[in-house]
N, C-alpha and C. Protein backbone atom coordinates (compact mmCIF):
# COMPACT_ATOMS: atom_id res chain seq x y z
N MET A 1 102.05 146.07 185.16
CA MET A 1 100.63 145.74 185.20
C MET A 1 100.38 144.52 184.30
N VAL A 2 99.80 143.50 184.88
CA VAL A 2 99.41 142.31 184.12
C VAL A 2 97.89 142.21 184.23
N TYR A 3 97.19 142.34 183.09
CA TYR A 3 95.73 142.41 183.16
C TYR A 3 95.06 141.34 182.31
N ASP A 4 93.78 141.07 182.63
CA ASP A 4 93.01 140.01 182.00
C ASP A 4 92.05 140.54 180.95
N ARG A 5 91.45 139.61 180.21
CA ARG A 5 90.46 139.95 179.19
C ARG A 5 89.24 140.62 179.80
N LEU A 6 88.81 140.16 180.99
CA LEU A 6 87.61 140.69 181.61
C LEU A 6 87.90 141.81 182.60
N GLY A 7 89.16 142.20 182.72
CA GLY A 7 89.49 143.35 183.54
C GLY A 7 89.03 144.61 182.82
N THR A 8 88.71 145.66 183.57
CA THR A 8 88.23 146.89 182.94
C THR A 8 89.41 147.65 182.35
N LYS A 9 89.45 147.69 181.03
CA LYS A 9 90.58 148.34 180.35
C LYS A 9 90.68 149.83 180.67
N SER A 10 89.54 150.44 181.00
CA SER A 10 89.57 151.87 181.29
C SER A 10 90.45 152.18 182.49
N LEU A 11 90.67 151.19 183.36
CA LEU A 11 91.52 151.41 184.52
C LEU A 11 92.98 151.57 184.14
N LEU A 12 93.35 151.11 182.95
CA LEU A 12 94.74 151.20 182.53
C LEU A 12 95.19 152.65 182.36
N GLN A 13 94.25 153.56 182.18
CA GLN A 13 94.62 154.97 182.01
C GLN A 13 95.24 155.56 183.27
N TYR A 14 95.03 154.87 184.40
CA TYR A 14 95.58 155.38 185.66
C TYR A 14 96.99 154.85 185.93
N CYS A 15 97.50 154.04 185.02
CA CYS A 15 98.86 153.53 185.20
C CYS A 15 99.88 154.64 185.00
N ASN A 16 101.01 154.49 185.66
CA ASN A 16 102.13 155.39 185.41
C ASN A 16 102.52 155.31 183.94
N PRO A 17 102.76 156.43 183.28
CA PRO A 17 103.14 156.41 181.86
C PRO A 17 104.33 155.50 181.56
N ASP A 18 105.18 155.29 182.56
CA ASP A 18 106.36 154.46 182.36
C ASP A 18 106.11 152.99 182.69
N ALA A 19 104.87 152.67 183.08
CA ALA A 19 104.58 151.29 183.50
C ALA A 19 104.60 150.34 182.31
N GLU A 20 105.06 149.14 182.57
CA GLU A 20 105.01 148.08 181.57
C GLU A 20 103.64 147.41 181.69
N ILE A 21 102.89 147.38 180.60
CA ILE A 21 101.54 146.83 180.61
C ILE A 21 101.51 145.56 179.77
N ILE A 22 101.12 144.45 180.41
CA ILE A 22 101.14 143.14 179.75
C ILE A 22 99.74 142.54 179.76
N TYR A 23 99.25 142.19 178.57
CA TYR A 23 97.95 141.54 178.46
C TYR A 23 98.12 140.02 178.60
N ALA A 24 97.41 139.43 179.56
CA ALA A 24 97.51 137.99 179.80
C ALA A 24 96.12 137.36 179.80
N GLY A 25 95.26 137.85 178.92
CA GLY A 25 93.89 137.38 178.90
C GLY A 25 93.72 136.01 178.26
N LYS A 26 92.65 135.34 178.66
CA LYS A 26 92.30 134.03 178.11
C LYS A 26 90.81 134.03 177.81
N SER A 27 90.42 133.29 176.78
CA SER A 27 89.01 133.11 176.44
C SER A 27 88.76 131.62 176.26
N PRO A 28 87.50 131.19 176.29
CA PRO A 28 87.21 129.76 176.19
C PRO A 28 87.88 129.11 174.98
N GLY A 29 88.71 128.11 175.26
CA GLY A 29 89.39 127.38 174.19
C GLY A 29 90.62 128.08 173.65
N LYS A 30 90.91 129.28 174.13
CA LYS A 30 92.07 130.04 173.65
C LYS A 30 92.87 130.54 174.85
N HIS A 31 94.00 129.88 175.10
CA HIS A 31 94.83 130.23 176.24
C HIS A 31 96.26 130.52 175.77
N PRO A 32 96.44 131.65 175.06
CA PRO A 32 97.79 131.98 174.58
C PRO A 32 98.78 132.22 175.71
N PHE A 33 98.24 132.54 176.90
CA PHE A 33 99.07 132.78 178.07
C PHE A 33 98.65 131.78 179.14
N PRO A 34 99.19 130.56 179.16
CA PRO A 34 98.78 129.54 180.14
C PRO A 34 98.96 130.04 181.58
N GLN A 35 98.16 129.49 182.48
CA GLN A 35 98.21 129.94 183.86
C GLN A 35 99.60 129.80 184.47
N GLU A 36 100.28 128.71 184.16
CA GLU A 36 101.62 128.50 184.71
C GLU A 36 102.57 129.61 184.25
N LYS A 37 102.40 130.07 183.02
CA LYS A 37 103.25 131.14 182.49
C LYS A 37 102.94 132.47 183.18
N ILE A 38 101.64 132.69 183.48
CA ILE A 38 101.26 133.91 184.20
C ILE A 38 101.89 133.90 185.60
N ASN A 39 101.79 132.76 186.27
CA ASN A 39 102.38 132.64 187.61
C ASN A 39 103.86 132.98 187.58
N GLN A 40 104.56 132.40 186.61
CA GLN A 40 106.00 132.62 186.50
C GLN A 40 106.32 134.07 186.16
N LEU A 41 105.48 134.68 185.32
CA LEU A 41 105.69 136.08 184.95
C LEU A 41 105.60 136.98 186.17
N LEU A 42 104.61 136.75 187.01
CA LEU A 42 104.46 137.56 188.22
C LEU A 42 105.68 137.41 189.12
N ILE A 43 106.16 136.19 189.25
CA ILE A 43 107.34 135.93 190.09
C ILE A 43 108.57 136.62 189.52
N GLU A 44 108.79 136.47 188.23
CA GLU A 44 109.99 137.05 187.61
C GLU A 44 109.99 138.58 187.69
N LYS A 45 108.85 139.20 187.44
CA LYS A 45 108.79 140.66 187.50
C LYS A 45 109.02 141.16 188.92
N ALA A 46 108.45 140.45 189.90
CA ALA A 46 108.64 140.85 191.30
C ALA A 46 110.09 140.66 191.73
N GLN A 47 110.69 139.55 191.31
CA GLN A 47 112.08 139.27 191.69
C GLN A 47 113.06 140.23 191.03
N SER A 48 112.63 140.87 189.94
CA SER A 48 113.50 141.86 189.28
C SER A 48 113.43 143.22 189.97
N GLY A 49 112.61 143.31 191.03
CA GLY A 49 112.53 144.53 191.81
C GLY A 49 111.37 145.43 191.45
N LYS A 50 110.46 144.96 190.60
CA LYS A 50 109.34 145.78 190.17
C LYS A 50 108.13 145.60 191.09
N LEU A 51 107.33 146.66 191.18
CA LEU A 51 106.04 146.58 191.86
C LEU A 51 105.04 146.07 190.84
N VAL A 52 104.45 144.92 191.09
CA VAL A 52 103.59 144.27 190.11
C VAL A 52 102.13 144.39 190.54
N ILE A 53 101.29 144.82 189.62
CA ILE A 53 99.85 144.85 189.86
C ILE A 53 99.21 143.82 188.94
N ARG A 54 98.39 142.95 189.52
CA ARG A 54 97.67 141.94 188.75
C ARG A 54 96.21 142.35 188.72
N LEU A 55 95.73 142.82 187.58
CA LEU A 55 94.36 143.31 187.45
C LEU A 55 93.47 142.22 186.87
N LYS A 56 92.46 141.82 187.66
CA LYS A 56 91.55 140.77 187.22
C LYS A 56 90.12 141.27 187.31
N GLY A 57 89.24 140.69 186.50
CA GLY A 57 87.83 141.05 186.55
C GLY A 57 87.13 140.34 187.70
N GLY A 58 86.08 140.96 188.25
CA GLY A 58 85.34 140.32 189.33
C GLY A 58 86.15 140.22 190.60
N ASP A 59 86.06 139.07 191.26
CA ASP A 59 86.86 138.82 192.46
C ASP A 59 87.89 137.75 192.14
N PRO A 60 89.16 138.03 192.40
CA PRO A 60 90.22 137.08 192.02
C PRO A 60 90.14 135.74 192.72
N PHE A 61 89.42 135.66 193.84
CA PHE A 61 89.35 134.41 194.59
C PHE A 61 88.05 133.64 194.35
N VAL A 62 87.22 134.10 193.41
CA VAL A 62 85.99 133.38 193.07
C VAL A 62 86.08 133.00 191.60
N PHE A 63 86.53 131.79 191.31
CA PHE A 63 86.73 131.29 189.96
C PHE A 63 87.60 132.23 189.12
N GLY A 64 88.52 132.93 189.79
CA GLY A 64 89.42 133.83 189.08
C GLY A 64 90.85 133.34 189.05
N ARG A 65 91.10 132.17 189.62
CA ARG A 65 92.42 131.55 189.70
C ARG A 65 93.42 132.39 190.48
N GLY A 66 92.88 133.34 191.24
CA GLY A 66 93.74 134.16 192.09
C GLY A 66 94.44 133.34 193.15
N GLY A 67 93.76 132.32 193.65
CA GLY A 67 94.38 131.47 194.67
C GLY A 67 95.63 130.78 194.15
N GLU A 68 95.60 130.35 192.89
CA GLU A 68 96.76 129.68 192.31
C GLU A 68 97.93 130.65 192.15
N GLU A 69 97.62 131.88 191.76
CA GLU A 69 98.68 132.86 191.57
C GLU A 69 99.31 133.26 192.89
N VAL A 70 98.48 133.48 193.91
CA VAL A 70 99.01 133.84 195.22
C VAL A 70 99.79 132.67 195.83
N GLU A 71 99.32 131.46 195.58
CA GLU A 71 100.04 130.28 196.06
C GLU A 71 101.45 130.22 195.47
N ALA A 72 101.56 130.55 194.19
CA ALA A 72 102.87 130.56 193.53
C ALA A 72 103.77 131.65 194.12
N LEU A 73 103.19 132.82 194.40
CA LEU A 73 103.96 133.91 194.99
C LEU A 73 104.45 133.53 196.39
N ALA A 74 103.55 132.93 197.17
CA ALA A 74 103.92 132.53 198.53
C ALA A 74 105.06 131.51 198.51
N LYS A 75 104.98 130.57 197.57
CA LYS A 75 106.02 129.55 197.47
C LYS A 75 107.37 130.16 197.11
N ALA A 76 107.33 131.25 196.32
CA ALA A 76 108.56 131.92 195.90
C ALA A 76 109.03 132.93 196.94
N GLY A 77 108.29 133.08 198.03
CA GLY A 77 108.69 134.00 199.08
C GLY A 77 108.47 135.46 198.73
N ILE A 78 107.51 135.74 197.87
CA ILE A 78 107.25 137.12 197.43
C ILE A 78 106.05 137.68 198.20
N PRO A 79 106.22 138.82 198.86
CA PRO A 79 105.09 139.42 199.60
C PRO A 79 104.04 139.95 198.64
N TYR A 80 102.79 139.95 199.07
CA TYR A 80 101.70 140.37 198.21
C TYR A 80 100.57 140.97 199.04
N GLU A 81 99.71 141.71 198.38
CA GLU A 81 98.51 142.27 198.99
C GLU A 81 97.33 141.93 198.08
N ILE A 82 96.21 141.53 198.68
CA ILE A 82 95.02 141.14 197.92
C ILE A 82 93.95 142.21 198.09
N VAL A 83 93.45 142.72 196.98
CA VAL A 83 92.34 143.68 197.01
C VAL A 83 91.11 142.95 196.45
N PRO A 84 90.15 142.59 197.30
CA PRO A 84 88.98 141.83 196.83
C PRO A 84 88.11 142.67 195.92
N GLY A 85 87.41 141.99 195.03
CA GLY A 85 86.49 142.66 194.13
C GLY A 85 85.08 142.12 194.32
N VAL A 86 84.19 142.43 193.40
CA VAL A 86 82.83 141.92 193.42
C VAL A 86 82.72 140.85 192.34
N THR A 87 82.49 139.63 192.74
CA THR A 87 82.42 138.54 191.78
C THR A 87 81.28 138.74 190.79
N SER A 88 81.52 138.32 189.56
CA SER A 88 80.49 138.42 188.52
C SER A 88 79.25 137.62 188.90
N ALA A 89 79.41 136.59 189.72
CA ALA A 89 78.27 135.76 190.14
C ALA A 89 77.24 136.56 190.91
N ILE A 90 77.64 137.67 191.50
CA ILE A 90 76.73 138.55 192.23
C ILE A 90 76.42 139.81 191.43
N ALA A 91 77.46 140.40 190.85
CA ALA A 91 77.29 141.67 190.15
C ALA A 91 76.42 141.54 188.90
N VAL A 92 76.63 140.50 188.11
CA VAL A 92 75.90 140.36 186.85
C VAL A 92 74.39 140.15 187.08
N PRO A 93 73.98 139.24 187.98
CA PRO A 93 72.54 139.14 188.25
C PRO A 93 71.94 140.46 188.75
N ALA A 94 72.70 141.22 189.55
CA ALA A 94 72.19 142.51 190.04
C ALA A 94 71.92 143.46 188.88
N TYR A 95 72.78 143.44 187.88
CA TYR A 95 72.58 144.29 186.71
C TYR A 95 71.40 143.82 185.87
N ALA A 96 71.01 142.59 186.03
CA ALA A 96 69.84 142.07 185.30
C ALA A 96 68.56 142.17 186.13
N GLY A 97 68.66 142.78 187.32
CA GLY A 97 67.48 142.92 188.16
C GLY A 97 67.12 141.66 188.91
N ILE A 98 68.15 140.84 189.24
CA ILE A 98 67.90 139.57 189.93
C ILE A 98 68.69 139.54 191.23
N PRO A 99 68.04 139.76 192.38
CA PRO A 99 68.73 139.58 193.66
C PRO A 99 68.89 138.08 193.92
N LEU A 100 70.00 137.68 194.47
CA LEU A 100 70.21 136.25 194.69
C LEU A 100 69.46 135.74 195.91
N THR A 101 69.14 136.63 196.83
CA THR A 101 68.35 136.25 198.00
C THR A 101 67.21 137.24 198.19
N HIS A 102 66.14 136.78 198.85
CA HIS A 102 64.96 137.61 199.11
C HIS A 102 64.14 136.88 200.14
N ARG A 103 63.64 137.58 201.12
CA ARG A 103 62.92 136.93 202.23
C ARG A 103 61.76 136.06 201.74
N ASP A 104 61.14 136.45 200.63
CA ASP A 104 59.97 135.72 200.14
C ASP A 104 60.29 134.66 199.10
N TYR A 105 61.55 134.64 198.61
CA TYR A 105 61.86 133.74 197.51
C TYR A 105 63.06 132.82 197.78
N ALA A 106 64.11 133.35 198.36
CA ALA A 106 65.34 132.56 198.46
C ALA A 106 66.15 132.94 199.69
N SER A 107 66.50 131.94 200.48
CA SER A 107 67.31 132.18 201.68
C SER A 107 68.71 131.58 201.54
N SER A 108 69.01 131.07 200.34
CA SER A 108 70.34 130.50 200.12
C SER A 108 70.67 130.56 198.64
N PHE A 109 71.98 130.61 198.34
CA PHE A 109 72.41 130.53 196.95
C PHE A 109 73.75 129.82 196.87
N ALA A 110 74.02 129.26 195.72
CA ALA A 110 75.29 128.56 195.49
C ALA A 110 75.87 129.03 194.16
N VAL A 111 77.18 129.12 194.10
CA VAL A 111 77.87 129.49 192.87
C VAL A 111 78.64 128.28 192.38
N ILE A 112 78.41 127.90 191.13
CA ILE A 112 78.95 126.65 190.59
C ILE A 112 79.62 126.91 189.26
N THR A 113 80.72 126.23 189.01
CA THR A 113 81.38 126.33 187.72
C THR A 113 80.69 125.43 186.69
N GLY A 114 80.65 125.91 185.47
CA GLY A 114 80.10 125.11 184.39
C GLY A 114 81.18 124.43 183.58
N HIS A 115 82.42 124.55 184.06
CA HIS A 115 83.54 123.97 183.31
C HIS A 115 84.68 123.68 184.26
N GLU A 116 85.29 122.52 184.11
CA GLU A 116 86.48 122.16 184.87
C GLU A 116 87.44 121.39 183.98
N PRO A 117 88.73 121.40 184.32
CA PRO A 117 89.70 120.66 183.51
C PRO A 117 89.40 119.17 183.48
N GLU A 118 89.85 118.51 182.42
CA GLU A 118 89.67 117.07 182.33
C GLU A 118 90.38 116.38 183.49
N GLY A 119 89.79 115.30 183.94
CA GLY A 119 90.40 114.56 185.05
C GLY A 119 89.74 114.83 186.38
N HIS A 120 88.94 115.92 186.46
CA HIS A 120 88.23 116.21 187.70
C HIS A 120 86.99 115.32 187.81
N LYS A 121 86.42 115.27 188.99
CA LYS A 121 85.21 114.49 189.21
C LYS A 121 84.13 114.96 188.23
N SER A 122 83.34 114.04 187.77
CA SER A 122 82.30 114.34 186.80
C SER A 122 81.46 115.54 187.23
N LEU A 123 81.42 116.56 186.37
CA LEU A 123 80.60 117.72 186.68
C LEU A 123 79.12 117.38 186.66
N ALA A 124 78.75 116.42 185.82
CA ALA A 124 77.34 116.01 185.76
C ALA A 124 76.86 115.55 187.13
N ASP A 125 77.71 114.80 187.84
CA ASP A 125 77.35 114.34 189.18
C ASP A 125 77.16 115.52 190.13
N LYS A 126 78.04 116.53 190.00
CA LYS A 126 77.95 117.70 190.87
C LYS A 126 76.69 118.50 190.57
N TRP A 127 76.39 118.66 189.28
CA TRP A 127 75.20 119.43 188.90
C TRP A 127 73.93 118.76 189.41
N ARG A 128 73.85 117.43 189.32
CA ARG A 128 72.67 116.73 189.83
C ARG A 128 72.58 116.86 191.33
N ALA A 129 73.73 116.79 192.01
CA ALA A 129 73.73 116.86 193.47
C ALA A 129 73.36 118.25 193.97
N ILE A 130 73.78 119.29 193.24
CA ILE A 130 73.52 120.66 193.69
C ILE A 130 72.11 121.11 193.38
N ALA A 131 71.41 120.42 192.50
CA ALA A 131 70.08 120.85 192.03
C ALA A 131 69.14 121.24 193.18
N PRO A 132 69.01 120.41 194.24
CA PRO A 132 68.08 120.77 195.31
C PRO A 132 68.76 121.44 196.51
N ALA A 133 70.05 121.74 196.40
CA ALA A 133 70.82 122.13 197.58
C ALA A 133 70.67 123.59 197.98
N ALA A 134 70.29 124.46 197.05
CA ALA A 134 70.14 125.88 197.36
C ALA A 134 68.96 126.45 196.59
N ASP A 135 68.38 127.51 197.11
CA ASP A 135 67.22 128.12 196.45
C ASP A 135 67.61 128.73 195.10
N THR A 136 68.74 129.42 195.09
CA THR A 136 69.22 130.06 193.87
C THR A 136 70.56 129.45 193.46
N LEU A 137 70.68 129.08 192.20
CA LEU A 137 71.92 128.52 191.67
C LEU A 137 72.48 129.49 190.64
N VAL A 138 73.76 129.78 190.75
CA VAL A 138 74.43 130.67 189.81
C VAL A 138 75.57 129.90 189.16
N PHE A 139 75.54 129.81 187.84
CA PHE A 139 76.57 129.10 187.09
C PHE A 139 77.44 130.08 186.32
N VAL A 140 78.75 129.95 186.51
CA VAL A 140 79.71 130.75 185.74
C VAL A 140 80.40 129.83 184.74
N MET A 141 80.97 130.42 183.68
CA MET A 141 81.66 129.63 182.64
C MET A 141 80.75 128.49 182.16
N CYS A 142 79.53 128.86 181.79
CA CYS A 142 78.48 127.85 181.61
C CYS A 142 78.01 127.66 180.17
N MET A 143 78.41 128.49 179.25
CA MET A 143 77.80 128.46 177.93
C MET A 143 78.07 127.17 177.15
N THR A 144 79.29 126.68 177.21
CA THR A 144 79.64 125.48 176.45
C THR A 144 78.81 124.28 176.88
N ASN A 145 78.56 124.17 178.19
CA ASN A 145 77.85 123.01 178.73
C ASN A 145 76.44 123.33 179.20
N LEU A 146 75.85 124.40 178.68
CA LEU A 146 74.54 124.83 179.19
C LEU A 146 73.49 123.74 179.07
N ARG A 147 73.41 123.08 177.94
CA ARG A 147 72.39 122.04 177.76
C ARG A 147 72.58 120.92 178.78
N GLU A 148 73.83 120.51 179.02
CA GLU A 148 74.11 119.44 179.97
C GLU A 148 73.80 119.88 181.40
N ILE A 149 74.11 121.14 181.71
CA ILE A 149 73.81 121.66 183.04
C ILE A 149 72.31 121.60 183.31
N ILE A 150 71.53 122.11 182.37
CA ILE A 150 70.08 122.16 182.54
C ILE A 150 69.49 120.76 182.68
N SER A 151 69.91 119.84 181.80
CA SER A 151 69.35 118.48 181.85
C SER A 151 69.70 117.79 183.16
N ASN A 152 70.88 118.05 183.70
CA ASN A 152 71.27 117.42 184.96
C ASN A 152 70.56 118.05 186.16
N LEU A 153 70.24 119.33 186.08
CA LEU A 153 69.47 119.95 187.15
C LEU A 153 68.07 119.34 187.21
N ILE A 154 67.47 119.12 186.05
CA ILE A 154 66.15 118.48 186.01
C ILE A 154 66.25 117.04 186.53
N ALA A 155 67.31 116.34 186.11
CA ALA A 155 67.50 114.96 186.58
C ALA A 155 67.74 114.92 188.08
N GLY A 156 68.29 116.02 188.62
CA GLY A 156 68.56 116.08 190.06
C GLY A 156 67.37 116.52 190.89
N GLY A 157 66.25 116.82 190.24
CA GLY A 157 65.04 117.12 191.00
C GLY A 157 64.46 118.50 190.81
N ARG A 158 65.12 119.38 190.05
CA ARG A 158 64.56 120.72 189.81
C ARG A 158 63.36 120.64 188.88
N ASN A 159 62.33 121.36 189.22
CA ASN A 159 61.12 121.40 188.41
C ASN A 159 61.44 122.03 187.05
N PRO A 160 61.06 121.42 185.93
CA PRO A 160 61.32 122.00 184.61
C PRO A 160 60.73 123.40 184.45
N ALA A 161 59.75 123.76 185.27
CA ALA A 161 59.13 125.07 185.18
C ALA A 161 59.89 126.13 185.97
N THR A 162 61.01 125.77 186.60
CA THR A 162 61.80 126.71 187.39
C THR A 162 62.32 127.85 186.50
N PRO A 163 62.14 129.10 186.92
CA PRO A 163 62.63 130.24 186.13
C PRO A 163 64.16 130.22 186.01
N VAL A 164 64.64 130.65 184.84
CA VAL A 164 66.08 130.71 184.56
C VAL A 164 66.36 131.98 183.77
N ALA A 165 67.52 132.57 184.02
CA ALA A 165 67.97 133.70 183.21
C ALA A 165 69.43 133.48 182.84
N VAL A 166 69.75 133.78 181.60
CA VAL A 166 71.14 133.74 181.15
C VAL A 166 71.52 135.16 180.75
N ILE A 167 72.57 135.70 181.38
CA ILE A 167 72.99 137.08 181.16
C ILE A 167 74.36 137.08 180.49
N ALA A 168 74.43 137.62 179.29
CA ALA A 168 75.69 137.69 178.56
C ALA A 168 76.26 139.10 178.63
N ALA A 169 77.59 139.19 178.68
CA ALA A 169 78.29 140.49 178.73
C ALA A 169 77.77 141.34 179.88
N GLY A 170 77.56 140.73 181.03
CA GLY A 170 76.99 141.42 182.18
C GLY A 170 77.78 142.63 182.62
N THR A 171 77.08 143.67 182.99
CA THR A 171 77.58 144.98 183.47
C THR A 171 78.24 145.80 182.37
N GLN A 172 78.24 145.31 181.16
CA GLN A 172 78.80 146.06 180.04
C GLN A 172 77.67 146.66 179.20
N PRO A 173 77.97 147.67 178.38
CA PRO A 173 76.91 148.33 177.60
C PRO A 173 76.12 147.36 176.72
N GLN A 174 76.78 146.29 176.26
CA GLN A 174 76.11 145.33 175.37
C GLN A 174 75.45 144.18 176.11
N GLN A 175 75.23 144.34 177.42
CA GLN A 175 74.60 143.28 178.21
C GLN A 175 73.26 142.85 177.61
N VAL A 176 73.04 141.53 177.57
CA VAL A 176 71.78 140.96 177.07
C VAL A 176 71.33 139.88 178.04
N THR A 177 70.05 139.88 178.38
CA THR A 177 69.49 138.86 179.27
C THR A 177 68.37 138.11 178.56
N VAL A 178 68.44 136.78 178.64
CA VAL A 178 67.38 135.94 178.09
C VAL A 178 66.79 135.15 179.25
N ALA A 179 65.48 135.26 179.43
CA ALA A 179 64.81 134.58 180.54
C ALA A 179 63.87 133.50 180.01
N GLY A 180 63.69 132.46 180.81
CA GLY A 180 62.80 131.36 180.44
C GLY A 180 62.66 130.42 181.60
N THR A 181 62.55 129.14 181.32
CA THR A 181 62.48 128.11 182.35
C THR A 181 63.49 127.02 182.01
N LEU A 182 63.67 126.11 182.93
CA LEU A 182 64.59 125.00 182.65
C LEU A 182 64.18 124.24 181.39
N SER A 183 62.90 124.22 181.10
CA SER A 183 62.42 123.43 179.96
C SER A 183 62.69 124.09 178.61
N ASN A 184 62.88 125.42 178.60
CA ASN A 184 63.04 126.07 177.30
C ASN A 184 64.22 127.03 177.17
N ILE A 185 64.99 127.20 178.23
CA ILE A 185 66.04 128.23 178.22
C ILE A 185 67.12 127.95 177.18
N VAL A 186 67.47 126.70 176.95
CA VAL A 186 68.52 126.40 175.98
C VAL A 186 68.11 126.84 174.59
N ASP A 187 66.88 126.54 174.20
CA ASP A 187 66.40 126.96 172.88
C ASP A 187 66.36 128.48 172.77
N LYS A 188 65.94 129.15 173.84
CA LYS A 188 65.86 130.61 173.82
C LYS A 188 67.25 131.24 173.69
N VAL A 189 68.21 130.68 174.39
CA VAL A 189 69.58 131.18 174.32
C VAL A 189 70.15 130.99 172.93
N ASN A 190 69.90 129.84 172.35
CA ASN A 190 70.38 129.58 170.99
C ASN A 190 69.74 130.52 169.97
N GLU A 191 68.44 130.78 170.14
CA GLU A 191 67.74 131.68 169.23
C GLU A 191 68.29 133.10 169.33
N ALA A 192 68.68 133.49 170.56
CA ALA A 192 69.20 134.85 170.77
C ALA A 192 70.67 134.97 170.37
N GLY A 193 71.34 133.83 170.19
CA GLY A 193 72.74 133.85 169.79
C GLY A 193 73.69 134.31 170.88
N LEU A 194 73.35 134.06 172.14
CA LEU A 194 74.21 134.47 173.24
C LEU A 194 75.53 133.71 173.23
N THR A 195 76.60 134.39 173.62
CA THR A 195 77.93 133.78 173.66
C THR A 195 78.62 134.13 174.97
N HIS A 196 79.86 133.66 175.11
CA HIS A 196 80.67 133.98 176.28
C HIS A 196 80.96 135.48 176.31
N PRO A 197 81.22 136.03 177.51
CA PRO A 197 81.02 135.43 178.83
C PRO A 197 79.56 135.58 179.26
N ALA A 198 79.09 134.63 180.06
CA ALA A 198 77.69 134.66 180.49
C ALA A 198 77.54 134.02 181.86
N ILE A 199 76.50 134.43 182.55
CA ILE A 199 76.13 133.90 183.86
C ILE A 199 74.72 133.32 183.74
N THR A 200 74.49 132.16 184.34
CA THR A 200 73.15 131.57 184.36
C THR A 200 72.63 131.54 185.80
N VAL A 201 71.43 132.04 185.99
CA VAL A 201 70.80 132.06 187.32
C VAL A 201 69.55 131.19 187.27
N VAL A 202 69.43 130.27 188.23
CA VAL A 202 68.32 129.34 188.29
C VAL A 202 67.61 129.49 189.63
N GLY A 203 66.29 129.66 189.59
CA GLY A 203 65.53 129.72 190.84
C GLY A 203 64.32 130.62 190.72
N ASP A 204 63.41 130.50 191.67
CA ASP A 204 62.19 131.30 191.66
C ASP A 204 62.48 132.80 191.71
N ILE A 205 63.63 133.16 192.28
CA ILE A 205 64.01 134.56 192.41
C ILE A 205 64.09 135.26 191.06
N VAL A 206 64.34 134.48 189.99
CA VAL A 206 64.47 135.06 188.66
C VAL A 206 63.19 135.76 188.24
N ALA A 207 62.04 135.32 188.77
CA ALA A 207 60.76 135.92 188.40
C ALA A 207 60.68 137.40 188.79
N LEU A 208 61.49 137.81 189.77
CA LEU A 208 61.49 139.22 190.18
C LEU A 208 62.04 140.14 189.11
N ARG A 209 62.75 139.58 188.16
CA ARG A 209 63.35 140.40 187.10
C ARG A 209 62.29 141.21 186.37
N ASP A 210 61.10 140.68 186.21
CA ASP A 210 60.05 141.40 185.49
C ASP A 210 59.73 142.75 186.15
N LYS A 211 59.92 142.81 187.48
CA LYS A 211 59.65 144.06 188.19
C LYS A 211 60.90 144.88 188.46
N LEU A 212 62.04 144.24 188.55
CA LEU A 212 63.26 144.91 189.00
C LEU A 212 64.27 145.19 187.90
N ARG A 213 63.99 144.83 186.68
CA ARG A 213 64.96 145.03 185.60
C ARG A 213 65.15 146.53 185.36
N TRP A 214 66.30 147.02 185.71
CA TRP A 214 66.58 148.46 185.63
C TRP A 214 67.55 148.77 184.49
N PHE A 215 68.50 147.88 184.24
CA PHE A 215 69.54 148.16 183.26
C PHE A 215 68.98 148.21 181.86
N ASP A 216 68.01 147.35 181.56
CA ASP A 216 67.45 147.26 180.21
C ASP A 216 66.83 148.58 179.77
C-alpha cells in the first residue's frame, strides 16, 4: 500500500496485517517523495510480484497526478485497475453547502489549478481568460497564489462583488469556510488564518451557502 497525505488514513485499518505500508505524501513546498520516485516505487513493487494498491485522496485523475503514475505503469508493461473517486473540487463545496450548478444560478463550472510547475504557460493569463468562461469557478491548490488569482479574475472581467468562499480542510472535522466577495476575500482569509489544503469557489452560487450550510 502506497498512500498520500490526503488519503483517508482510517482506510489503512483494512489492510492485510502483513501488508507493507508506505507513506508517499507531499505538502506545498515539501516533496520528500518526488513524483518520479513514486512512479518508480510502484513499478518496482509490481515487478517484484506484489499486488500494489495506490491510495490517493479525491479522484486520482483530477489534479491527483494519477495520469502520470498510470502512464509510467503502462510504459513498463504493468497491468493496472483504476478505481475513480470523488474529486475534492466537488466534494468540498458540497460539504460547505455550495452546489456547483443550480438551474437558477449556474449552468456551468470549471475546475482550475492555482499552481503549476515553473516553465508552464503563465497562470495569470489562464486565470484572466477563465474569468468569464463559466458560471462557477473552482480553484484547487490555490492558497499560495490566492491574491494573484483574485486580482486576475477581476482583471478578466469578474465583478468585484461576486461571491467567493474558501474552504480549508474540507470534509474533515476541522473544516472551516470563509465567505466574502472578490473584493474582500483575501483579507478575510488572512484574518481567519486559513492554510492548505483549501478549495476556492467563485460565483453567484456561493450565495446559496447561507441557506444550505449543513456541516457547520
